[in-house]
Amino acid sequence: MQDLHLHSHFSFDSNTNPEENVKSAIKNKIKIMAFTDHLDNFCQNDRDISFDLDEYFSTIYKLREKYKNQIKILAGIEIGLAYENANKIDKFIDENPFDFVIGSIHAVEFKDVWLNRKNIENNPKYFFKKYYEYMLECVKSCENFSILGHIDYIDRYVQDKSVIPDFSFYEDLIEEILKELIKTNRAFEYNTAGFRNNLSYANPKDEILEKYKNLGGNIITLGSDSHFPDTISYKIDDGIKHLKDLGFDHISYFENKKEKIIEI
């Protein structure tokens, strides 16, 4: 079992001791885990969302050695994408020894989705279309990330879920995004945190999962997006079963930026 989306105190929005994440993962029978702390400097103009990379790698390598007989620990990172900074993002990924990089849309044109949530809810069709148009540009422009994170992340922060536009409204954009991922052999994340954010589904919803499969996509990773030790492995078993029910026969992880496959 894997959990490839975990945050610790290196992220601006977590105070978790990294070793507590490891202990919790082992307790919950996770066999492969990854630290994927936030680096959002590329998509934010007015906030410094970064951390000490040397300390980060040093911490992960020490934990990897200490717990090597109990769990595989991968060094990932979650980067907030911005196509305006695509060259800087790709260069940063090339220059650092991450096992993999989750690319996520946390901001659109440098406006944070969470901070902009009230405007999004007041004009959902405009902002949802803009969000997926921006995502498509980022996927096309930023070439070196490994996994596209929580595609319909924007759903989490609409308080009144009834105003979320029907999937058909932005389906054409989703299809182009998925085709670009498939063409470039990049992964697609099944992120169980949707259930912890008042949604009845993981991110992404089933319409997106089914479209991905129908287009021939087959590189899926699983993560809980946990920021606290007690939510590590959250609904991961359920996620694997759900993917199998939808017709997927394996999940993936990345080590040294190379895909590895686990049959399910």
Protein backbone atom coordinates (compact mmCIF):
# COMPACT_ATOMS: atom_id res chain seq x y z
CA MET A 1 0.00 0.00 0.00
CA GLN A 2 1.27 3.48 -0.83
CA ASP A 3 0.69 7.05 0.34
CA LEU A 4 2.55 9.38 -2.00
CA HIS A 5 1.21 12.75 -0.86
CA LEU A 6 2.30 13.66 2.68
CA HIS A 7 3.22 16.96 4.30
CA SER A 8 5.37 17.77 7.31
CA HIS A 9 6.62 20.90 9.07
CA PHE A 10 8.56 21.83 5.94
CA SER A 11 5.20 22.85 4.48
CA PHE A 12 3.81 26.23 5.49
CA ASP A 13 0.49 24.61 6.47
CA SER A 14 1.74 21.74 8.64
CA ASN A 15 3.63 21.44 11.92
CA THR A 16 4.11 17.67 11.80
CA ASN A 17 7.45 16.20 12.76
CA PRO A 18 8.59 14.18 9.71
CA GLU A 19 9.46 11.14 11.83
CA GLU A 20 5.91 11.06 13.18
CA ASN A 21 4.71 10.70 9.60
CA VAL A 22 6.99 7.70 9.13
CA LYS A 23 5.84 6.06 12.36
CA SER A 24 2.21 6.59 11.47
CA ALA A 25 2.70 5.21 7.97
CA ILE A 26 4.34 2.06 9.35
CA LYS A 27 1.56 1.67 11.94
CA ASN A 28 -1.02 1.91 9.15
CA LYS A 29 0.80 -0.71 7.04
CA ILE A 30 1.95 1.68 4.34
CA LYS A 31 4.82 0.09 2.40
CA ILE A 32 5.78 3.10 0.24
CA MET A 33 5.49 6.69 1.46
CA ALA A 34 6.68 10.04 0.18
CA PHE A 35 7.30 13.46 1.60
CA THR A 36 5.77 16.01 -0.79
CA ASP A 37 6.05 19.30 1.04
CA HIS A 38 4.78 22.50 -0.53
CA LEU A 39 6.91 24.77 -2.67
CA ASP A 40 4.59 27.44 -4.05
CA ASN A 41 6.98 30.31 -4.70
CA PHE A 42 6.58 29.90 -8.45
CA CYS A 43 2.82 30.49 -8.34
CA GLN A 44 2.66 33.15 -5.62
CA ASN A 45 3.92 36.69 -6.05
CA ASP A 46 3.27 38.02 -2.57
CA ARG A 47 4.09 35.10 -0.25
CA ASP A 48 7.33 33.24 0.42
CA ILE A 49 6.25 29.59 0.46
CA SER A 50 9.54 27.72 0.48
CA PHE A 51 11.83 25.84 2.85
CA ASP A 52 15.46 24.78 3.31
CA LEU A 53 16.01 22.09 0.67
CA ASP A 54 19.32 20.91 2.13
CA GLU A 55 17.67 20.27 5.48
CA TYR A 56 14.73 18.63 3.71
CA PHE A 57 16.83 16.10 1.83
CA SER A 58 19.03 15.48 4.85
CA THR A 59 15.98 14.73 7.00
CA ILE A 60 14.46 12.37 4.43
CA TYR A 61 17.74 10.51 3.85
CA LYS A 62 18.27 10.00 7.58
CA LEU A 63 14.74 8.65 8.01
CA ARG A 64 15.14 6.48 4.93
CA GLU A 65 18.22 4.85 6.42
CA LYS A 66 16.74 4.49 9.90
CA TYR A 67 13.54 2.81 8.71
CA LYS A 68 14.83 1.05 5.59
CA ASN A 69 13.77 -2.39 6.82
CA GLN A 70 10.20 -1.27 7.50
CA ILE A 71 9.16 1.14 4.73
CA LYS A 72 10.33 2.70 1.47
CA ILE A 73 10.61 6.49 1.89
CA LEU A 74 10.66 8.64 -1.23
CA ALA A 75 11.76 12.25 -1.59
CA GLY A 76 9.03 14.10 -3.43
CA ILE A 77 7.80 17.66 -3.51
CA GLU A 78 4.56 19.42 -4.42
CA ILE A 79 5.13 22.45 -6.62
CA GLY A 80 2.44 25.00 -7.30
CA LEU A 81 2.49 25.34 -11.09
CA ALA A 82 2.45 28.59 -13.05
CA TYR A 83 2.99 28.45 -16.79
CA GLU A 84 4.44 31.96 -16.60
CA ASN A 85 7.38 30.43 -14.69
CA ALA A 86 7.59 27.16 -16.62
CA ASN A 87 11.29 27.48 -17.45
CA LYS A 88 12.18 28.20 -13.82
CA ILE A 89 10.09 25.26 -12.60
CA ASP A 90 11.61 22.81 -15.08
CA LYS A 91 15.13 24.00 -14.25
CA PHE A 92 14.46 23.63 -10.51
CA ILE A 93 13.21 20.07 -10.99
CA ASP A 94 16.21 19.17 -13.14
CA GLU A 95 18.67 20.52 -10.58
CA ASN A 96 17.32 18.62 -7.56
CA PRO A 97 17.29 14.87 -6.77
CA PHE A 98 13.58 14.38 -6.18
CA ASP A 99 12.15 10.92 -6.75
CA PHE A 100 9.15 12.67 -8.24
CA VAL A 101 7.34 16.01 -8.34
CA ILE A 102 3.62 16.59 -7.92
CA GLY A 103 2.53 19.58 -9.98
CA SER A 104 -0.61 21.23 -8.60
CA ILE A 105 -2.74 24.22 -9.43
CA HIS A 106 -2.96 26.13 -6.15
CA ALA A 107 -3.22 29.54 -7.78
CA VAL A 108 -4.47 30.94 -11.08
CA GLU A 109 -2.54 33.89 -12.48
CA PHE A 110 -0.87 34.19 -9.05
CA LYS A 111 -4.22 34.38 -7.20
CA ASP A 112 -4.47 31.66 -4.57
CA VAL A 113 -7.52 29.41 -5.02
CA TRP A 114 -8.22 29.10 -1.30
CA LEU A 115 -7.86 32.82 -0.66
CA ASN A 116 -10.09 33.54 -3.66
CA ARG A 117 -12.78 31.03 -2.66
CA LYS A 118 -15.54 33.55 -2.01
CA ASN A 119 -15.17 35.07 -5.47
CA ILE A 120 -15.12 31.60 -6.99
CA GLU A 121 -18.35 30.69 -5.27
CA ASN A 122 -20.01 33.92 -6.40
CA ASN A 123 -19.14 33.32 -10.06
CA PRO A 124 -18.39 29.59 -10.35
CA LYS A 125 -18.74 29.13 -14.11
CA TYR A 126 -16.26 31.89 -14.85
CA PHE A 127 -13.69 30.73 -12.31
CA PHE A 128 -13.99 27.00 -12.98
CA LYS A 129 -13.41 27.53 -16.69
CA LYS A 130 -10.48 29.82 -15.94
CA TYR A 131 -9.03 27.26 -13.51
CA TYR A 132 -9.03 24.43 -16.06
CA GLU A 133 -7.82 26.65 -18.89
CA TYR A 134 -4.91 27.66 -16.68
CA MET A 135 -4.25 24.03 -15.74
CA LEU A 136 -4.08 23.07 -19.41
CA GLU A 137 -1.52 25.80 -20.11
CA CYS A 138 0.55 24.66 -17.13
CA VAL A 139 0.50 21.01 -18.19
CA LYS A 140 1.61 21.99 -21.67
CA SER A 141 4.30 24.42 -20.52
CA CYS A 142 5.78 22.78 -17.40
CA GLU A 143 7.32 19.59 -18.75
CA ASN A 144 9.33 18.06 -15.90
CA PHE A 145 6.82 17.35 -13.13
CA SER A 146 5.87 13.69 -12.69
CA ILE A 147 2.28 13.73 -11.38
CA LEU A 148 -0.63 16.14 -11.82
CA GLY A 149 -2.06 16.60 -8.35
CA HIS A 150 -5.72 16.62 -7.25
CA ILE A 151 -7.15 17.80 -10.58
CA ASP A 152 -10.48 19.09 -9.25
CA TYR A 153 -8.91 20.65 -6.14
CA ILE A 154 -11.05 23.75 -6.74
CA ASP A 155 -14.16 21.77 -5.68
CA ARG A 156 -12.84 21.54 -2.12
CA TYR A 157 -13.11 25.24 -1.40
CA VAL A 158 -16.58 25.99 -2.68
CA GLN A 159 -18.60 26.07 0.51
CA ASP A 160 -21.94 25.61 -1.26
CA LYS A 161 -21.23 22.46 -3.26
CA SER A 162 -24.47 22.87 -5.22
CA VAL A 163 -22.93 25.70 -7.26
CA ILE A 164 -20.08 23.53 -8.61
CA PRO A 165 -20.68 23.47 -12.38
CA ASP A 166 -21.73 20.22 -14.01
CA PHE A 167 -18.81 18.19 -15.37
CA SER A 168 -20.06 18.70 -18.92
CA PHE A 169 -19.37 22.43 -18.60
CA TYR A 170 -15.58 21.90 -18.54
CA GLU A 171 -15.31 18.36 -19.90
CA ASP A 172 -13.57 19.48 -23.09
CA LEU A 173 -10.78 21.10 -21.08
CA ILE A 174 -10.38 18.02 -18.86
CA GLU A 175 -10.08 15.87 -21.97
CA GLU A 176 -7.27 18.05 -23.34
CA ILE A 177 -5.46 17.98 -20.01
CA LEU A 178 -5.69 14.19 -19.79
CA LYS A 179 -4.56 13.73 -23.38
CA GLU A 180 -1.49 15.86 -22.67
CA LEU A 181 -0.64 13.77 -19.58
CA ILE A 182 -1.03 10.53 -21.51
CA LYS A 183 1.02 11.78 -24.45
CA THR A 184 3.91 12.78 -22.18
CA ASN A 185 3.75 9.71 -19.87
CA ARG A 186 2.99 11.70 -16.78
CA ALA A 187 0.84 10.45 -13.94
CA PHE A 188 -2.55 11.34 -12.63
CA GLU A 189 -3.20 11.46 -8.88
CA TYR A 190 -6.06 9.89 -6.94
CA ASN A 191 -6.15 12.10 -3.85
CA THR A 192 -8.38 10.99 -0.99
CA ALA A 193 -8.46 14.38 0.76
CA GLY A 194 -11.64 15.29 -1.10
CA PHE A 195 -13.53 13.20 1.43
CA ARG A 196 -12.04 15.31 4.23
CA ASN A 197 -13.16 18.51 2.51
CA ASN A 198 -16.90 17.93 2.49
CA LEU A 199 -16.97 16.19 -0.88
CA SER A 200 -18.60 12.84 -1.59
CA TYR A 201 -15.66 11.85 -3.78
CA ALA A 202 -11.89 11.85 -3.91
CA ASN A 203 -10.05 14.25 -6.19
CA PRO A 204 -10.75 13.61 -8.97
CA LYS A 205 -14.39 12.67 -9.28
CA ASP A 206 -15.40 9.53 -11.16
CA GLU A 207 -16.28 11.33 -14.41
CA ILE A 208 -12.63 12.34 -14.71
CA LEU A 209 -11.31 8.91 -13.73
CA GLU A 210 -13.56 7.23 -16.29
CA LYS A 211 -12.56 9.66 -19.03
CA TYR A 212 -8.88 9.08 -18.22
CA LYS A 213 -9.34 5.32 -18.53
CA ASN A 214 -11.35 5.63 -21.75
CA LEU A 215 -8.58 7.77 -23.26
CA GLY A 216 -6.05 5.03 -22.46
CA GLY A 217 -4.53 6.53 -19.32
CA ASN A 218 -3.00 4.08 -16.87
CA ILE A 219 -0.47 5.89 -14.66
CA ILE A 220 -2.19 6.60 -11.33
CA THR A 221 -0.65 7.33 -7.94
CA LEU A 222 -2.48 7.44 -4.60
CA GLY A 223 -2.07 9.90 -1.77
CA SER A 224 -3.96 11.08 1.30
CA ASP A 225 -2.66 14.68 1.13
CA SER A 226 -2.21 14.35 4.86
CA HIS A 227 -0.85 17.28 6.88
CA PHE A 228 -1.13 15.40 10.18
CA PRO A 229 0.00 11.91 11.25
CA ASP A 230 -3.52 10.74 12.12
CA THR A 231 -4.77 11.08 8.53
CA ILE A 232 -1.94 9.16 6.85
CA SER A 233 -3.34 6.30 4.75
CA TYR A 234 -6.82 7.88 4.92
CA LYS A 235 -9.12 5.89 2.59
CA ILE A 236 -6.15 4.57 0.58
CA ASP A 237 -7.44 0.99 0.75
CA ASP A 238 -10.86 2.20 -0.38
CA GLY A 239 -9.19 4.10 -3.21
CA ILE A 240 -7.35 1.04 -4.49
CA LYS A 241 -10.58 -0.96 -4.43
CA HIS A 242 -12.44 1.83 -6.22
CA LEU A 243 -9.82 2.07 -8.97
CA LYS A 244 -9.98 -1.69 -9.41
CA ASP A 245 -13.78 -1.52 -9.66
CA LEU A 246 -13.39 1.12 -12.40
CA GLY A 247 -11.19 -1.29 -14.38
CA PHE A 248 -7.66 -0.16 -13.50
CA ASP A 249 -5.29 -3.08 -12.93
CA HIS A 250 -2.27 -1.33 -11.40
CA ILE A 251 -1.10 1.77 -9.56
CA SER A 252 2.27 3.47 -9.91
CA TYR A 253 4.95 5.25 -7.93
CA PHE A 254 8.14 7.03 -8.97
CA GLU A 255 11.67 6.39 -7.78
CA ASN A 256 14.56 8.40 -9.19
CA LYS A 257 11.95 9.92 -11.54
CA LYS A 258 11.21 6.51 -13.06
CA GLU A 259 7.79 4.89 -12.94
CA LYS A 260 7.36 1.67 -10.97
CA ILE A 261 4.20 -0.44 -11.21
CA ILE A 262 2.23 -2.27 -8.52
CA GLU A 263 -0.48 -4.69 -9.67
CA ILE A 264 -3.82 -4.40 -7.86
